[in-house]
Structure formats: structure tokens, C-alpha cells
Amino acid sequence: MLVIRGDLLEEIVAHARRDHPDEACGVIAGPEGSDRPERFIPMLNAARSPTFYEFDSGDLFQLYKQMNANDEVPVVIYHSHTATEAYPSRTDISYASEPEAHYVLVSTRDSAETNHTGHDFRSFRIVDGVVTEEEVQVVETYMFAHTGADDVPDLG
């Protein structure tokens, strides 16, 4: 399951709409080992294409250098689809190289069907070419994101 703050979800959607009709792409980095997306990093689609995205190799190198220096990893790798649903294409699957990352897609097509996020926004795990859709939980803060509704703080 992807647990993501609402403001980060809205940043992804805004970036996708800004770059439309081209696909938008980017990363949300988070502390290593946390599975918690925190730092929104919109990237330039070097392909500048409505049907394909590609991270600029120099930008990607700098991003990984910066994440390594900050003990961060790419928790979310996102991009948009401009004419199709938010589901990984064969090309998306072939380029997925981060088995621990959540691959997020948002569709900016006119007829996009929305889900509980208010957008055609979906998350997938892609490992060795196998695509598994996962639930998206939108939260205001990560403070209590992994606790149940019946959990109460220990005031003891």
C-alpha cells in the first residue's frame, strides 16, 4: 500500500496538468528504509513526448547523488499518461528498475475516470516485469498513518 500525503498527491497532479499534452515525470524521495514519500522532485521529460517519458540522464545522476548524500531513496516514481488510463505500458514496465519504489501514474486525458483520490491516480509495484496494483491511502500527515482507527495513544 502507498501511503501518501494529500499535498504530495496534488503536486503530482498539478505537474501532470502543467506538462500536458506531454507526459510529466518525477520522483518523491524519502528517508532510506521508511517507505515514506517526503521530498517532491519534479523532473523534466527529456523526451518531451505525449506518449513517452524519459528522465534526463544528467538530471537523474544529480538526483541520485543528492539522494545518496541525504540518505534518501526514490519512494515514488511517477509519470502521467495523456491519452490513456493510469496503468503501466509495456515500455513503463521494461524501464522499471527500482523494485522497492511505488510506481504512480496519473491520467490527464479528458475522459479520465476518477477514484477516491479525486483523480485517475493509481500506484503499482513493478518487480521483474510483474505489475501489481496497490491501494493508495491519502493522509494529511504521516504521524498516525500506520495506526488503526482503534489505536489510542499511551498516556500512561
N, C-alpha and C. Protein backbone atom coordinates (compact mmCIF):
# COMPACT_ATOMS: atom_id res chain seq x y z
N MET A 1 0.85 -1.18 0.00
CA MET A 1 0.00 0.00 0.00
C MET A 1 0.89 1.24 0.00
N LEU A 2 0.50 2.21 -0.84
CA LEU A 2 1.16 3.51 -0.83
C LEU A 2 0.41 4.43 0.11
N VAL A 3 1.10 4.93 1.11
CA VAL A 3 0.56 5.96 1.99
C VAL A 3 1.22 7.26 1.57
N ILE A 4 0.41 8.24 1.16
CA ILE A 4 0.96 9.49 0.63
C ILE A 4 0.16 10.67 1.17
N ARG A 5 0.88 11.73 1.50
CA ARG A 5 0.20 12.95 1.94
C ARG A 5 -0.57 13.57 0.78
N GLY A 6 -1.72 14.14 1.10
CA GLY A 6 -2.56 14.77 0.08
C GLY A 6 -1.86 15.87 -0.69
N ASP A 7 -1.01 16.65 -0.01
CA ASP A 7 -0.33 17.74 -0.70
C ASP A 7 0.63 17.20 -1.76
N LEU A 8 1.26 16.04 -1.50
CA LEU A 8 2.16 15.46 -2.49
C LEU A 8 1.38 14.90 -3.68
N LEU A 9 0.25 14.28 -3.40
CA LEU A 9 -0.62 13.79 -4.47
C LEU A 9 -1.02 14.96 -5.37
N GLU A 10 -1.43 16.06 -4.78
CA GLU A 10 -1.86 17.23 -5.55
C GLU A 10 -0.70 17.84 -6.34
N GLU A 11 0.53 17.77 -5.80
CA GLU A 11 1.72 18.25 -6.54
C GLU A 11 1.93 17.42 -7.81
N ILE A 12 1.77 16.09 -7.69
CA ILE A 12 1.92 15.22 -8.85
C ILE A 12 0.88 15.58 -9.91
N VAL A 13 -0.38 15.71 -9.49
CA VAL A 13 -1.46 16.02 -10.43
C VAL A 13 -1.23 17.39 -11.08
N ALA A 14 -0.83 18.38 -10.29
CA ALA A 14 -0.57 19.72 -10.84
C ALA A 14 0.56 19.68 -11.86
N HIS A 15 1.62 18.93 -11.56
CA HIS A 15 2.74 18.80 -12.50
C HIS A 15 2.26 18.15 -13.80
N ALA A 16 1.45 17.10 -13.67
CA ALA A 16 0.93 16.41 -14.86
C ALA A 16 0.08 17.34 -15.71
N ARG A 17 -0.74 18.15 -15.07
CA ARG A 17 -1.59 19.08 -15.83
C ARG A 17 -0.78 20.20 -16.47
N ARG A 18 0.26 20.67 -15.77
CA ARG A 18 1.12 21.72 -16.33
C ARG A 18 1.83 21.25 -17.59
N ASP A 19 2.32 20.01 -17.57
CA ASP A 19 3.10 19.50 -18.70
C ASP A 19 2.24 18.94 -19.83
N HIS A 20 0.95 18.75 -19.58
CA HIS A 20 0.04 18.24 -20.62
C HIS A 20 0.09 19.18 -21.83
N PRO A 21 0.21 18.76 -23.06
CA PRO A 21 -0.06 17.41 -23.55
C PRO A 21 1.12 16.44 -23.48
N ASP A 22 2.28 16.88 -22.98
CA ASP A 22 3.39 15.94 -22.82
C ASP A 22 3.26 15.21 -21.50
N GLU A 23 3.86 14.03 -21.42
CA GLU A 23 3.88 13.29 -20.17
C GLU A 23 4.80 14.01 -19.19
N ALA A 24 4.38 14.05 -17.94
CA ALA A 24 5.19 14.61 -16.86
C ALA A 24 5.84 13.45 -16.11
N CYS A 25 6.95 13.72 -15.43
CA CYS A 25 7.60 12.66 -14.65
C CYS A 25 8.36 13.27 -13.48
N GLY A 26 8.60 12.45 -12.49
CA GLY A 26 9.33 12.92 -11.32
C GLY A 26 9.45 11.84 -10.27
N VAL A 27 9.97 12.27 -9.14
CA VAL A 27 10.28 11.37 -8.03
C VAL A 27 9.83 12.03 -6.74
N ILE A 28 9.41 11.21 -5.79
CA ILE A 28 9.27 11.70 -4.42
C ILE A 28 10.23 10.86 -3.58
N ALA A 29 11.23 11.53 -3.04
CA ALA A 29 12.26 10.86 -2.24
C ALA A 29 11.80 10.78 -0.79
N GLY A 30 12.35 9.81 -0.10
CA GLY A 30 12.06 9.67 1.32
C GLY A 30 13.24 9.04 2.04
N PRO A 31 13.23 9.09 3.35
CA PRO A 31 14.33 8.51 4.13
C PRO A 31 14.49 7.02 3.80
N GLU A 32 15.72 6.62 3.65
CA GLU A 32 16.02 5.22 3.34
C GLU A 32 15.38 4.30 4.38
N GLY A 33 14.68 3.27 3.90
CA GLY A 33 14.07 2.29 4.79
C GLY A 33 12.74 2.69 5.38
N SER A 34 12.23 3.88 5.04
CA SER A 34 11.00 4.37 5.67
C SER A 34 9.74 4.08 4.86
N ASP A 35 9.86 3.92 3.54
CA ASP A 35 8.72 3.81 2.63
C ASP A 35 7.78 5.00 2.77
N ARG A 36 8.35 6.16 3.10
CA ARG A 36 7.56 7.38 3.34
C ARG A 36 7.97 8.47 2.35
N PRO A 37 7.11 8.76 1.35
CA PRO A 37 7.45 9.81 0.38
C PRO A 37 7.39 11.20 1.05
N GLU A 38 8.46 11.98 0.89
CA GLU A 38 8.51 13.28 1.56
C GLU A 38 8.91 14.44 0.67
N ARG A 39 9.97 14.24 -0.15
CA ARG A 39 10.52 15.38 -0.91
C ARG A 39 10.13 15.26 -2.38
N PHE A 40 9.24 16.17 -2.81
CA PHE A 40 8.73 16.19 -4.18
C PHE A 40 9.78 16.76 -5.12
N ILE A 41 10.09 15.99 -6.18
CA ILE A 41 11.13 16.40 -7.13
C ILE A 41 10.59 16.25 -8.55
N PRO A 42 9.97 17.30 -9.09
CA PRO A 42 9.51 17.21 -10.48
C PRO A 42 10.72 17.20 -11.41
N MET A 43 10.66 16.37 -12.43
CA MET A 43 11.76 16.25 -13.37
C MET A 43 11.28 16.70 -14.75
N LEU A 44 12.23 17.00 -15.60
CA LEU A 44 11.94 17.35 -16.98
C LEU A 44 11.82 16.07 -17.80
N ASN A 45 10.78 15.96 -18.58
CA ASN A 45 10.65 14.84 -19.51
C ASN A 45 11.56 15.15 -20.70
N ALA A 46 12.72 14.51 -20.72
CA ALA A 46 13.70 14.78 -21.77
C ALA A 46 13.17 14.40 -23.15
N ALA A 47 12.21 13.46 -23.21
CA ALA A 47 11.63 13.06 -24.48
C ALA A 47 10.64 14.10 -25.00
N ARG A 48 10.11 14.93 -24.11
CA ARG A 48 9.10 15.94 -24.48
C ARG A 48 8.05 15.34 -25.41
N SER A 49 7.42 14.28 -24.93
CA SER A 49 6.51 13.50 -25.76
C SER A 49 5.17 13.29 -25.05
N PRO A 50 4.08 13.25 -25.80
CA PRO A 50 2.78 12.95 -25.21
C PRO A 50 2.55 11.45 -24.98
N THR A 51 3.49 10.60 -25.45
CA THR A 51 3.29 9.16 -25.33
C THR A 51 4.44 8.45 -24.64
N PHE A 52 5.44 9.18 -24.18
CA PHE A 52 6.64 8.55 -23.63
C PHE A 52 7.31 9.53 -22.67
N TYR A 53 7.91 9.01 -21.62
CA TYR A 53 8.71 9.89 -20.76
C TYR A 53 10.10 9.31 -20.59
N GLU A 54 11.03 10.19 -20.37
CA GLU A 54 12.41 9.78 -20.15
C GLU A 54 13.08 10.82 -19.25
N PHE A 55 13.68 10.35 -18.17
CA PHE A 55 14.43 11.25 -17.32
C PHE A 55 15.72 11.64 -18.04
N ASP A 56 16.11 12.90 -17.95
CA ASP A 56 17.39 13.34 -18.49
C ASP A 56 18.49 12.65 -17.69
N SER A 57 19.44 12.02 -18.36
CA SER A 57 20.47 11.23 -17.67
C SER A 57 21.31 12.07 -16.71
N GLY A 58 21.62 13.30 -17.10
CA GLY A 58 22.39 14.18 -16.21
C GLY A 58 21.59 14.57 -14.97
N ASP A 59 20.31 14.90 -15.18
CA ASP A 59 19.44 15.24 -14.04
C ASP A 59 19.28 14.04 -13.11
N LEU A 60 19.13 12.86 -13.71
CA LEU A 60 18.95 11.65 -12.91
C LEU A 60 20.21 11.35 -12.09
N PHE A 61 21.37 11.54 -12.70
CA PHE A 61 22.63 11.34 -11.98
C PHE A 61 22.72 12.29 -10.79
N GLN A 62 22.40 13.56 -11.01
CA GLN A 62 22.44 14.55 -9.93
C GLN A 62 21.43 14.21 -8.84
N LEU A 63 20.24 13.75 -9.24
CA LEU A 63 19.21 13.38 -8.27
C LEU A 63 19.71 12.25 -7.37
N TYR A 64 20.28 11.20 -7.96
CA TYR A 64 20.75 10.07 -7.15
C TYR A 64 21.92 10.48 -6.26
N LYS A 65 22.77 11.37 -6.75
CA LYS A 65 23.87 11.88 -5.93
C LYS A 65 23.31 12.62 -4.70
N GLN A 66 22.32 13.46 -4.94
CA GLN A 66 21.69 14.23 -3.87
C GLN A 66 20.96 13.31 -2.89
N MET A 67 20.23 12.33 -3.41
CA MET A 67 19.52 11.40 -2.52
C MET A 67 20.52 10.60 -1.68
N ASN A 68 21.60 10.14 -2.28
CA ASN A 68 22.62 9.41 -1.52
C ASN A 68 23.20 10.26 -0.41
N ALA A 69 23.46 11.53 -0.70
CA ALA A 69 24.02 12.44 0.31
C ALA A 69 23.03 12.67 1.45
N ASN A 70 21.73 12.58 1.17
CA ASN A 70 20.69 12.81 2.18
C ASN A 70 20.14 11.53 2.78
N ASP A 71 20.77 10.37 2.47
CA ASP A 71 20.27 9.07 2.92
C ASP A 71 18.81 8.88 2.52
N GLU A 72 18.50 9.22 1.27
CA GLU A 72 17.15 9.08 0.73
C GLU A 72 17.15 8.05 -0.40
N VAL A 73 15.94 7.58 -0.70
CA VAL A 73 15.72 6.68 -1.83
C VAL A 73 14.50 7.18 -2.60
N PRO A 74 14.33 6.74 -3.85
CA PRO A 74 13.12 7.10 -4.58
C PRO A 74 11.95 6.24 -4.09
N VAL A 75 11.11 6.81 -3.25
CA VAL A 75 9.97 6.07 -2.70
C VAL A 75 8.86 6.00 -3.74
N VAL A 76 8.64 7.10 -4.45
CA VAL A 76 7.64 7.16 -5.53
C VAL A 76 8.33 7.61 -6.81
N ILE A 77 8.07 6.90 -7.89
CA ILE A 77 8.48 7.32 -9.23
C ILE A 77 7.18 7.50 -9.99
N TYR A 78 6.95 8.72 -10.46
CA TYR A 78 5.64 8.98 -11.07
C TYR A 78 5.78 9.50 -12.49
N HIS A 79 4.71 9.30 -13.25
CA HIS A 79 4.57 9.95 -14.55
C HIS A 79 3.10 9.97 -14.93
N SER A 80 2.82 10.71 -15.97
CA SER A 80 1.43 10.85 -16.41
C SER A 80 1.24 10.15 -17.75
N HIS A 81 0.00 9.79 -17.98
CA HIS A 81 -0.44 9.34 -19.30
C HIS A 81 -1.44 10.37 -19.79
N THR A 82 -1.26 10.83 -21.01
CA THR A 82 -2.07 11.94 -21.51
C THR A 82 -3.29 11.51 -22.32
N ALA A 83 -3.29 10.27 -22.80
CA ALA A 83 -4.41 9.82 -23.64
C ALA A 83 -4.95 8.45 -23.23
N THR A 84 -4.34 7.86 -22.22
CA THR A 84 -4.76 6.52 -21.78
C THR A 84 -4.94 6.50 -20.27
N GLU A 85 -5.47 5.38 -19.78
CA GLU A 85 -5.69 5.26 -18.34
C GLU A 85 -4.37 5.22 -17.59
N ALA A 86 -4.45 5.38 -16.28
CA ALA A 86 -3.28 5.35 -15.42
C ALA A 86 -2.89 3.90 -15.14
N TYR A 87 -2.27 3.28 -16.12
CA TYR A 87 -1.81 1.89 -15.99
C TYR A 87 -0.50 1.78 -16.76
N PRO A 88 0.49 1.06 -16.22
CA PRO A 88 1.81 0.99 -16.87
C PRO A 88 1.75 0.36 -18.26
N SER A 89 2.42 1.01 -19.20
CA SER A 89 2.55 0.48 -20.56
C SER A 89 3.67 -0.57 -20.57
N ARG A 90 3.81 -1.27 -21.66
CA ARG A 90 4.92 -2.24 -21.79
C ARG A 90 6.26 -1.53 -21.63
N THR A 91 6.36 -0.32 -22.18
CA THR A 91 7.60 0.44 -22.06
C THR A 91 7.85 0.82 -20.60
N ASP A 92 6.80 1.29 -19.91
CA ASP A 92 6.93 1.63 -18.49
C ASP A 92 7.46 0.43 -17.71
N ILE A 93 6.89 -0.73 -17.98
CA ILE A 93 7.27 -1.95 -17.27
C ILE A 93 8.73 -2.31 -17.55
N SER A 94 9.14 -2.17 -18.81
CA SER A 94 10.52 -2.54 -19.17
C SER A 94 11.55 -1.61 -18.53
N TYR A 95 11.17 -0.36 -18.25
CA TYR A 95 12.11 0.60 -17.65
C TYR A 95 12.07 0.62 -16.13
N ALA A 96 11.13 -0.08 -15.52
CA ALA A 96 11.01 -0.08 -14.06
C ALA A 96 12.19 -0.82 -13.44
N SER A 97 13.05 -0.07 -12.74
CA SER A 97 14.29 -0.67 -12.23
C SER A 97 14.47 -0.51 -10.72
N GLU A 98 13.46 0.00 -10.05
CA GLU A 98 13.53 0.19 -8.59
C GLU A 98 12.47 -0.70 -7.94
N PRO A 99 12.83 -1.93 -7.55
CA PRO A 99 11.82 -2.86 -7.03
C PRO A 99 11.14 -2.42 -5.74
N GLU A 100 11.74 -1.51 -5.00
CA GLU A 100 11.13 -1.05 -3.74
C GLU A 100 10.25 0.18 -3.94
N ALA A 101 10.28 0.76 -5.13
CA ALA A 101 9.54 2.01 -5.39
C ALA A 101 8.08 1.74 -5.68
N HIS A 102 7.27 2.75 -5.39
CA HIS A 102 5.87 2.78 -5.81
C HIS A 102 5.85 3.51 -7.15
N TYR A 103 5.34 2.86 -8.19
CA TYR A 103 5.23 3.49 -9.50
C TYR A 103 3.83 4.08 -9.61
N VAL A 104 3.76 5.40 -9.60
CA VAL A 104 2.49 6.11 -9.61
C VAL A 104 2.22 6.64 -11.00
N LEU A 105 0.99 6.44 -11.45
CA LEU A 105 0.55 7.01 -12.72
C LEU A 105 -0.70 7.83 -12.50
N VAL A 106 -0.75 8.95 -13.22
CA VAL A 106 -1.94 9.79 -13.21
C VAL A 106 -2.30 10.06 -14.67
N SER A 107 -3.59 9.96 -14.98
CA SER A 107 -4.02 10.22 -16.34
C SER A 107 -4.58 11.63 -16.44
N THR A 108 -4.18 12.34 -17.50
CA THR A 108 -4.70 13.70 -17.74
C THR A 108 -5.64 13.73 -18.94
N ARG A 109 -6.04 12.56 -19.43
CA ARG A 109 -6.98 12.53 -20.57
C ARG A 109 -8.33 13.12 -20.16
N ASP A 110 -9.03 13.65 -21.12
CA ASP A 110 -10.32 14.30 -20.86
C ASP A 110 -11.33 13.37 -20.21
N SER A 111 -11.34 12.12 -20.62
CA SER A 111 -12.36 11.18 -20.13
C SER A 111 -11.87 10.34 -18.95
N ALA A 112 -10.83 10.81 -18.27
CA ALA A 112 -10.27 10.03 -17.16
C ALA A 112 -11.30 9.80 -16.07
N GLU A 113 -11.40 8.55 -15.64
CA GLU A 113 -12.29 8.21 -14.53
C GLU A 113 -11.55 8.46 -13.22
N THR A 114 -12.24 9.07 -12.28
CA THR A 114 -11.59 9.37 -11.01
C THR A 114 -11.88 8.27 -9.99
N ASN A 115 -10.98 8.14 -9.02
CA ASN A 115 -11.18 7.21 -7.92
C ASN A 115 -11.29 8.01 -6.62
N HIS A 116 -11.09 7.37 -5.50
CA HIS A 116 -11.25 8.04 -4.20
C HIS A 116 -10.29 9.22 -4.00
N THR A 117 -9.24 9.33 -4.82
CA THR A 117 -8.31 10.45 -4.71
C THR A 117 -8.84 11.70 -5.40
N GLY A 118 -9.92 11.54 -6.18
CA GLY A 118 -10.46 12.65 -6.96
C GLY A 118 -9.81 12.77 -8.33
N HIS A 119 -8.93 11.83 -8.67
CA HIS A 119 -8.20 11.84 -9.94
C HIS A 119 -8.08 10.41 -10.44
N ASP A 120 -7.65 10.24 -11.68
CA ASP A 120 -7.27 8.91 -12.17
C ASP A 120 -5.82 8.72 -11.74
N PHE A 121 -5.63 8.33 -10.49
CA PHE A 121 -4.34 8.28 -9.80
C PHE A 121 -4.21 6.88 -9.22
N ARG A 122 -3.18 6.15 -9.68
CA ARG A 122 -3.01 4.76 -9.24
C ARG A 122 -1.55 4.47 -8.94
N SER A 123 -1.33 3.48 -8.09
CA SER A 123 0.03 3.09 -7.70
C SER A 123 0.23 1.61 -7.95
N PHE A 124 1.46 1.27 -8.36
CA PHE A 124 1.81 -0.10 -8.71
C PHE A 124 3.20 -0.43 -8.17
N ARG A 125 3.39 -1.70 -7.90
CA ARG A 125 4.74 -2.24 -7.70
C ARG A 125 5.07 -2.97 -8.99
N ILE A 126 6.28 -2.76 -9.48
CA ILE A 126 6.72 -3.43 -10.70
C ILE A 126 8.05 -4.10 -10.39
N VAL A 127 8.04 -5.42 -10.33
CA VAL A 127 9.24 -6.20 -10.00
C VAL A 127 9.40 -7.30 -11.03
N ASP A 128 10.55 -7.31 -11.68
CA ASP A 128 10.86 -8.33 -12.69
C ASP A 128 9.76 -8.45 -13.74
N GLY A 129 9.23 -7.31 -14.16
CA GLY A 129 8.22 -7.29 -15.21
C GLY A 129 6.81 -7.62 -14.75
N VAL A 130 6.62 -7.89 -13.47
CA VAL A 130 5.30 -8.22 -12.94
C VAL A 130 4.70 -6.96 -12.30
N VAL A 131 3.50 -6.59 -12.76
CA VAL A 131 2.82 -5.39 -12.27
C VAL A 131 1.75 -5.79 -11.26
N THR A 132 1.81 -5.17 -10.08
CA THR A 132 0.81 -5.40 -9.04
C THR A 132 0.26 -4.06 -8.60
N GLU A 133 -1.03 -3.86 -8.80
CA GLU A 133 -1.64 -2.61 -8.33
C GLU A 133 -1.78 -2.67 -6.82
N GLU A 134 -1.60 -1.52 -6.19
CA GLU A 134 -1.72 -1.45 -4.74
C GLU A 134 -2.67 -0.34 -4.34
N GLU A 135 -3.20 -0.45 -3.14
CA GLU A 135 -4.09 0.57 -2.60
C GLU A 135 -3.32 1.86 -2.37
N VAL A 136 -4.01 2.99 -2.53
CA VAL A 136 -3.44 4.30 -2.23
C VAL A 136 -4.21 4.86 -1.05
N GLN A 137 -3.50 5.15 0.03
CA GLN A 137 -4.11 5.78 1.20
C GLN A 137 -3.59 7.22 1.28
N VAL A 138 -4.51 8.18 1.20
CA VAL A 138 -4.15 9.59 1.25
C VAL A 138 -4.33 10.06 2.69
N VAL A 139 -3.27 10.68 3.23
CA VAL A 139 -3.30 11.15 4.62
C VAL A 139 -2.90 12.62 4.65
N GLU A 140 -3.25 13.28 5.74
CA GLU A 140 -2.85 14.67 5.93
C GLU A 140 -1.42 14.74 6.47
N THR A 141 -1.09 13.80 7.32
CA THR A 141 0.24 13.74 7.93
C THR A 141 0.62 12.28 8.10
N TYR A 142 1.90 11.99 8.20
CA TYR A 142 2.35 10.63 8.40
C TYR A 142 2.37 10.25 9.88
N MET A 143 2.07 11.19 10.77
CA MET A 143 2.21 10.95 12.19
C MET A 143 1.49 9.68 12.64
N PHE A 144 0.24 9.50 12.25
CA PHE A 144 -0.52 8.32 12.67
C PHE A 144 -0.99 7.48 11.48
N ALA A 145 -0.29 7.61 10.37
CA ALA A 145 -0.75 6.96 9.14
C ALA A 145 -0.77 5.44 9.22
N HIS A 146 0.08 4.85 10.05
CA HIS A 146 0.14 3.39 10.09
C HIS A 146 -0.51 2.81 11.33
N THR A 147 -1.38 3.56 11.98
CA THR A 147 -2.09 3.05 13.15
C THR A 147 -3.54 2.83 12.78
N GLY A 148 -4.18 1.97 13.49
CA GLY A 148 -5.58 1.67 13.22
C GLY A 148 -6.48 2.70 13.86
N ALA A 149 -7.76 2.70 13.46
CA ALA A 149 -8.73 3.66 13.97
C ALA A 149 -8.98 3.45 15.46
N ASP A 150 -8.74 2.22 15.96
CA ASP A 150 -8.99 1.94 17.36
C ASP A 150 -7.74 2.12 18.24
N ASP A 151 -6.63 2.52 17.65
CA ASP A 151 -5.41 2.76 18.43
C ASP A 151 -5.55 4.06 19.21
N VAL A 152 -5.14 4.03 20.44
CA VAL A 152 -5.15 5.23 21.26
C VAL A 152 -3.76 5.45 21.81
N PRO A 153 -3.34 6.70 21.95
CA PRO A 153 -2.00 6.95 22.46
C PRO A 153 -1.87 6.48 23.90
N ASP A 154 -0.68 6.03 24.25
CA ASP A 154 -0.40 5.63 25.61
C ASP A 154 -0.08 6.87 26.43
N LEU A 155 -1.00 7.28 27.24
CA LEU A 155 -0.83 8.50 28.05
C LEU A 155 -0.30 8.18 29.43
N GLY A 156 0.01 6.90 29.65
CA GLY A 156 0.37 6.36 30.95
C GLY A 156 1.55 6.89 31.60
